[in-house]
Protein backbone atom coordinates (compact mmCIF):
# COMPACT_ATOMS: atom_id res chain seq x y z
CA MET A 1 0.59 -0.13 0.16
CA GLY A 2 1.83 3.61 -1.09
CA ILE A 3 0.92 7.41 0.32
CA ARG A 4 -2.64 7.98 0.13
CA VAL A 5 -3.83 10.41 -1.80
CA ALA A 6 -7.01 11.62 -2.45
CA VAL A 7 -8.21 14.23 -5.65
CA ALA A 8 -11.17 16.05 -5.06
CA GLY A 9 -12.28 17.52 -8.75
CA ALA A 10 -11.37 14.11 -10.61
CA SER A 11 -13.76 14.75 -13.68
CA GLY A 12 -12.30 18.00 -15.01
CA TYR A 13 -9.15 18.73 -17.07
CA ALA A 14 -6.43 19.22 -13.65
CA GLY A 15 -8.21 16.56 -11.91
CA GLY A 16 -7.78 14.14 -14.80
CA GLU A 17 -4.52 14.62 -15.26
CA LEU A 18 -3.48 14.60 -11.42
CA LEU A 19 -4.86 10.15 -11.93
CA ARG A 20 -2.78 10.22 -14.69
CA LEU A 21 0.79 11.05 -12.97
CA ILE A 22 -0.44 9.37 -9.63
CA ALA A 23 -1.84 6.15 -11.90
CA GLY A 24 2.23 6.01 -13.10
CA HIS A 25 3.62 7.59 -9.49
CA PRO A 26 5.52 4.90 -7.39
CA HIS A 27 4.82 6.08 -3.91
CA PHE A 28 1.31 7.30 -4.55
CA ALA A 29 -2.31 4.79 -4.10
CA LEU A 30 -5.33 6.78 -5.00
CA ALA A 31 -7.66 6.09 -2.15
CA VAL A 32 -10.90 8.28 -3.61
CA ALA A 33 -11.87 10.67 -6.62
CA THR A 34 -14.58 12.95 -5.92
CA ALA A 35 -17.10 14.38 -8.62
CA ASN A 36 -20.19 16.87 -7.80
CA SER A 37 -22.33 16.66 -11.17
CA GLN A 38 -20.35 13.45 -12.24
CA ALA A 39 -20.27 11.74 -8.94
CA GLY A 40 -21.76 8.16 -9.51
CA GLN A 41 -19.99 7.39 -12.79
CA PRO A 42 -17.07 5.59 -13.48
CA LEU A 43 -14.25 7.60 -14.34
CA GLY A 44 -14.08 5.03 -17.22
CA ALA A 45 -16.89 6.84 -18.64
CA VAL A 46 -15.19 10.38 -18.29
CA HIS A 47 -11.43 9.79 -18.42
CA PRO A 48 -11.74 6.77 -20.86
CA HIS A 49 -7.31 7.51 -21.31
CA LEU A 50 -7.24 6.74 -17.50
CA ARG A 51 -7.14 2.93 -17.97
CA ARG A 52 -5.89 2.00 -14.29
CA PHE A 53 -8.90 3.50 -13.12
CA ALA A 54 -11.20 2.98 -15.46
CA ASP A 55 -13.94 0.84 -12.43
CA VAL A 56 -13.66 3.40 -9.53
CA THR A 57 -16.60 4.96 -9.56
CA LEU A 58 -16.61 8.49 -8.97
CA ALA A 59 -17.38 9.78 -5.02
CA GLY A 60 -19.54 12.95 -4.42
CA THR A 61 -17.35 15.74 -2.78
CA ASP A 62 -17.30 15.56 0.66
CA PRO A 63 -15.15 16.42 3.61
CA ALA A 64 -15.86 13.22 5.13
CA GLN A 65 -14.80 11.09 1.56
CA LEU A 66 -11.23 12.79 1.83
CA ALA A 67 -10.53 12.18 5.03
CA ASP A 68 -8.53 9.07 5.19
CA ALA A 69 -6.33 10.55 2.90
CA ASP A 70 -2.60 10.95 3.21
CA LEU A 71 -3.01 14.14 1.51
CA VAL A 72 -5.64 15.62 -0.97
CA PHE A 73 -5.26 17.28 -4.46
CA LEU A 74 -8.10 19.92 -4.28
CA ALA A 75 -8.91 20.33 -8.39
CA LEU A 76 -12.08 22.24 -8.32
CA PRO A 77 -13.28 25.79 -9.27
CA HIS A 78 -11.92 29.03 -8.65
CA GLY A 79 -13.08 30.40 -5.77
CA GLU A 80 -14.81 26.78 -4.22
CA SER A 81 -11.81 25.50 -2.10
CA ALA A 82 -11.27 27.02 0.85
CA ALA A 83 -14.80 25.99 2.58
CA LEU A 84 -13.57 22.58 1.75
CA ALA A 85 -10.33 22.57 2.76
CA ALA A 86 -11.55 24.12 5.90
CA GLN A 87 -13.33 20.74 6.60
CA LEU A 88 -10.27 18.67 6.75
CA PRO A 89 -8.63 17.17 9.26
CA ALA A 90 -5.78 19.90 10.49
CA SER A 91 -3.77 16.08 9.89
CA VAL A 92 -4.33 15.98 6.81
CA LYS A 93 -2.31 17.67 4.10
CA VAL A 94 -3.80 19.63 1.20
CA VAL A 95 -2.12 20.71 -2.14
CA ASP A 96 -5.04 23.61 -4.00
CA LEU A 97 -4.42 23.56 -7.83
CA GLY A 98 -7.38 26.57 -7.18
CA SER A 99 -7.15 29.90 -6.49
CA ASP A 100 -8.22 30.34 -3.39
CA HIS A 101 -4.76 30.74 -0.99
CA ARG A 102 -3.46 32.24 -3.45
CA LEU A 103 -3.09 34.83 -2.08
CA ARG A 104 -0.39 36.33 0.83
CA SER A 105 -2.66 34.10 2.99
CA ASP A 106 -0.82 31.45 5.68
CA TRP A 107 -0.91 29.00 3.08
CA VAL A 108 2.79 28.57 1.69
CA TYR A 109 3.01 29.45 -2.44
CA GLY A 110 3.56 26.22 -4.28
CA LEU A 111 6.19 27.24 -6.19
CA PRO A 112 9.30 25.13 -5.21
CA GLU A 113 12.26 27.32 -7.47
CA LEU A 114 11.84 30.39 -5.82
CA PRO A 115 14.54 31.22 -3.43
CA GLY A 116 14.15 29.34 -0.13
CA ARG A 117 10.64 28.17 -1.45
CA ARG A 118 11.50 24.54 -1.73
CA ALA A 119 11.72 23.98 2.43
CA GLN A 120 8.54 26.46 3.10
CA ILE A 121 6.86 23.77 0.84
CA ALA A 122 8.32 20.50 2.64
CA ALA A 123 7.31 21.80 6.08
CA SER A 124 3.98 23.42 5.05
CA ASP A 125 0.86 21.25 5.52
CA ARG A 126 -1.01 23.67 3.29
CA VAL A 127 -0.03 24.84 -0.41
CA ALA A 128 -1.68 26.59 -2.77
CA ALA A 129 -0.03 25.52 -6.14
CA THR A 130 0.50 28.54 -8.58
CA GLY A 131 -2.19 29.54 -11.78
CA CYS A 132 -1.02 28.09 -14.94
CA TYR A 133 -0.52 31.85 -16.68
CA ALA A 134 2.10 32.62 -13.07
CA VAL A 135 3.59 29.46 -13.50
CA ALA A 136 4.84 30.15 -17.70
CA VAL A 137 5.85 33.81 -16.08
CA ILE A 138 7.28 34.34 -13.13
CA LEU A 139 9.74 31.86 -14.31
CA ALA A 140 10.88 33.64 -16.98
CA LEU A 141 10.52 37.21 -14.90
CA ALA A 142 12.20 36.39 -11.23
CA PRO A 143 15.14 35.83 -11.66
CA LEU A 144 15.95 39.05 -13.74
CA ILE A 145 13.87 41.08 -11.10
CA ALA A 146 15.91 39.54 -8.16
CA ALA A 147 19.42 39.78 -9.74
CA GLY A 148 18.40 44.03 -10.80
CA VAL A 149 18.65 43.28 -14.07
CA ALA A 150 14.97 43.28 -15.16
CA ALA A 151 13.39 46.35 -13.49
CA PRO A 152 9.69 45.68 -12.17
CA ASP A 153 8.19 48.47 -13.58
CA ASP A 154 6.39 48.44 -17.29
CA VAL A 155 6.39 45.19 -17.64
CA VAL A 156 5.17 43.61 -20.89
CA VAL A 157 3.86 39.74 -21.02
CA VAL A 158 1.50 37.84 -24.24
CA ALA A 159 0.68 34.70 -23.75
CA ALA A 160 -1.66 32.30 -25.64
CA SER A 161 -2.78 29.42 -23.49
CA GLY A 162 -4.92 26.10 -25.09
CA THR A 163 -8.51 25.45 -24.72
CA SER A 164 -7.66 23.23 -21.56
CA GLY A 165 -6.70 25.74 -19.52
CA ALA A 166 -10.69 27.73 -19.57
CA GLY A 167 -12.12 24.02 -17.91
CA ARG A 168 -14.06 20.93 -18.74
CA SER A 169 -18.03 23.39 -18.56
CA PRO A 170 -19.42 23.11 -21.98
CA GLN A 171 -19.03 27.70 -22.75
CA PRO A 172 -19.94 28.56 -26.65
CA HIS A 173 -16.42 30.24 -27.09
CA LEU A 174 -14.19 26.69 -26.74
CA LEU A 175 -16.39 25.21 -29.03
CA ALA A 176 -14.84 23.79 -31.89
CA THR A 177 -16.07 26.14 -34.54
CA GLU A 178 -14.81 28.84 -32.61
CA VAL A 179 -10.90 28.20 -31.75
CA MET A 180 -10.14 26.00 -34.81
CA GLY A 181 -8.36 28.51 -36.76
CA ALA A 182 -8.66 31.58 -34.47
CA LEU A 183 -6.39 33.82 -31.89
CA SER A 184 -8.76 35.34 -29.77
CA PRO A 185 -7.69 38.21 -26.31
CA TYR A 186 -9.76 37.64 -22.84
CA LYS A 187 -9.73 39.28 -20.23
CA VAL A 188 -7.46 41.76 -21.52
CA GLY A 189 -6.36 44.55 -18.65
CA ARG A 190 -7.80 42.24 -16.48
CA HIS A 191 -6.44 38.69 -16.06
CA GLN A 192 -7.01 37.25 -12.09
CA HIS A 193 -3.31 36.08 -11.61
CA VAL A 194 -1.53 39.60 -12.10
CA PRO A 195 -1.55 40.17 -8.71
CA GLU A 196 -0.28 36.74 -8.27
CA ILE A 197 2.54 37.08 -10.36
CA LYS A 198 3.48 40.67 -9.06
CA GLN A 199 3.62 39.12 -5.67
CA ALA A 200 5.73 36.39 -6.99
CA THR A 201 8.38 38.40 -8.91
CA GLY A 202 8.62 41.94 -7.61
CA ALA A 203 7.00 43.61 -10.19
CA ARG A 204 5.50 46.48 -9.85
CA SER A 205 3.30 47.74 -12.93
CA LEU A 206 2.58 44.22 -15.50
CA SER A 207 1.32 44.71 -18.53
CA PHE A 208 -1.16 41.41 -19.39
CA THR A 209 -2.74 40.32 -22.40
CA PRO A 210 -4.00 36.24 -22.82
CA VAL A 211 -4.59 34.62 -25.86
CA LEU A 212 -6.66 31.53 -26.49
CA ALA A 213 -5.52 29.94 -29.46
CA PRO A 214 -6.15 26.60 -30.89
CA MET A 215 -4.72 23.67 -29.53
CA PRO A 216 -5.99 21.89 -26.46
CA ARG A 217 -2.66 22.51 -23.96
CA GLY A 218 0.43 24.54 -23.40
CA ILE A 219 1.21 27.67 -22.41
CA LEU A 220 3.54 30.15 -24.55
CA ALA A 221 4.26 33.38 -23.15
CA THR A 222 6.65 36.70 -24.06
CA VAL A 223 7.76 38.29 -21.42
CA THR A 224 9.46 41.98 -22.13
CA ALA A 225 10.92 44.05 -19.28
CA LEU A 226 12.66 47.53 -19.41
CA GLY A 227 16.68 46.77 -17.96
CA SER A 228 20.59 46.03 -18.91
CA GLY A 229 22.21 43.03 -18.96
CA ASP A 230 22.27 39.82 -20.42
CA PRO A 231 19.64 38.05 -19.75
CA SER A 232 20.22 35.11 -20.48
CA ALA A 233 23.17 34.54 -17.57
CA VAL A 234 21.06 35.29 -15.52
CA LEU A 235 18.48 32.57 -15.88
CA HIS A 236 21.35 30.29 -17.08
CA ALA A 237 22.80 30.89 -13.36
CA ALA A 238 19.60 30.93 -11.44
CA TYR A 239 18.11 27.22 -13.31
CA ALA A 240 21.40 25.64 -13.25
CA GLY A 241 20.33 23.09 -10.63
CA GLU A 242 17.14 22.74 -11.26
CA PRO A 243 15.55 19.09 -12.51
CA PHE A 244 12.30 20.49 -14.84
CA VAL A 245 13.22 24.47 -15.53
CA HIS A 246 15.44 24.40 -18.95
CA VAL A 247 17.12 27.20 -20.92
CA LEU A 248 17.60 26.76 -23.65
CA PRO A 249 19.72 27.18 -26.92
CA ASP A 250 16.78 27.95 -29.13
CA TRP A 251 13.81 29.93 -28.54
CA PRO A 252 10.75 27.38 -26.37
CA THR A 253 7.85 25.10 -27.89
CA THR A 254 4.80 24.17 -26.46
CA ALA A 255 4.89 20.85 -28.52
CA ALA A 256 7.72 20.48 -26.60
CA THR A 257 6.45 20.75 -23.17
CA LEU A 258 3.88 18.39 -23.47
CA GLY A 259 2.97 15.45 -21.14
CA SER A 260 5.93 16.88 -19.16
CA ASN A 261 6.34 19.00 -16.12
CA SER A 262 9.81 20.75 -17.65
CA CYS A 263 9.37 24.61 -18.38
CA HIS A 264 11.36 25.49 -21.40
CA LEU A 265 12.68 29.19 -21.87
CA GLN A 266 15.07 31.63 -23.42
CA ALA A 267 16.03 35.24 -23.80
CA THR A 268 17.86 37.99 -26.07
CA VAL A 269 17.66 41.72 -25.87
CA ASP A 270 15.47 42.92 -28.59
CA ALA A 271 18.41 44.89 -31.05
CA ASP A 272 15.87 47.95 -31.53
CA SER A 273 14.27 48.20 -28.21
CA GLY A 274 17.25 47.77 -26.05
CA ARG A 275 14.30 45.63 -24.10
CA LEU A 276 15.21 42.36 -22.24
CA ILE A 277 12.89 39.25 -24.00
CA VAL A 278 12.20 36.02 -22.10
CA VAL A 279 9.92 33.15 -23.69
CA SER A 280 8.86 30.51 -21.81
CA ALA A 281 6.98 27.43 -23.08
CA ILE A 282 4.98 24.91 -20.23
CA ASP A 283 2.44 22.44 -20.74
CA ASN A 284 -0.55 23.95 -18.23
CA LEU A 285 -2.00 20.89 -17.23
CA GLY A 286 1.94 19.59 -16.31
CA LYS A 287 4.10 22.01 -14.87
CA GLY A 288 0.93 24.81 -15.07
CA ALA A 289 -1.50 22.96 -12.54
CA ALA A 290 -1.01 18.89 -12.30
CA GLY A 291 2.62 17.88 -12.56
CA GLN A 292 3.45 21.19 -10.02
CA ALA A 293 1.11 20.12 -7.29
CA VAL A 294 2.36 16.21 -7.63
CA GLN A 295 6.03 18.46 -7.41
CA CYS A 296 4.87 20.09 -4.21
CA ALA A 297 3.24 16.89 -2.83
CA ASN A 298 6.67 14.82 -3.46
CA LEU A 299 8.43 17.50 -1.29
CA MET A 300 5.47 18.20 1.40
CA LEU A 301 5.54 13.98 2.14
CA GLY A 302 9.33 13.77 1.74
CA LEU A 303 9.83 11.76 -1.41
CA PRO A 304 11.77 12.78 -3.71
CA GLU A 305 11.02 15.81 -5.62
CA THR A 306 11.09 14.36 -9.05
CA ALA A 307 8.87 11.16 -7.84
CA GLY A 308 6.40 10.42 -11.21
CA LEU A 309 7.35 13.66 -12.74
CA SER A 310 9.30 13.43 -16.59
CA VAL A 311 11.04 16.35 -18.29
CA ASP A 312 10.60 15.04 -21.16
CA GLY A 313 7.77 16.16 -23.42
CA VAL A 314 5.57 13.65 -26.09
CA ALA A 315 5.72 14.53 -29.78
CA PRO A 316 4.71 14.31 -32.46
């Protein structure tokens, strides 16, 4: 019997990715998977790709169903995690993939690559996993601001995300006929991840334009900032020992991160404006959600940080 982990919100895309990673994890055993509207359904009907758990029945999302687990992953819609987490015993470790506990709470912010954060995560029973866009931008920007190479003001981000980032609930603007062959900006100048990015990087002014891209998974973020120096050298120094962050010799692509817990980076100085440019690629369901959550869970449980996680993507 391995370490018993539970997934609340298992019927969604992030929940399904958590289950896939749990299925291949050398130390985890699935205690229970819960859902709301899909409760009572076999997992094989909801996630047909998860053959190992095909006969597992989704339970209702009730604290009593989760209380016997060693660790609970909360993959619930934003705004729904806090009430459930408050009803779980203190003895149960919790990783929240939602936004409820990310901003200045008593939960530890779950990005191990931030300075000093790894030890905090390992010592914590309550960890708030990062937002998907936030992971891509923070890993690109935080070392540059910390090193004094990038100015914290006038940071500009344009980032494209696959449709799975919007969740699994049916929405007209996510229909294939609306998405295929189109790039669509949304929440321009008012995205919910901006405060999180500023809090984690030290940026004071950030303009963010998210773009919906016609692909299921992946985020490609282009981050520009005023500054001077060699941004690529700073990134190499910051991530030299990191298992999941890779500074490439060429420019990143989302295809190379598919199915992995990796973040790919490259940087340069714009020849005309002199602005620093960093391009970051992740799988939004991997390093941007479920993979990052498992990485944090490994630290919380005293396991090897890389257990059950791949640095390699899937191609083509």
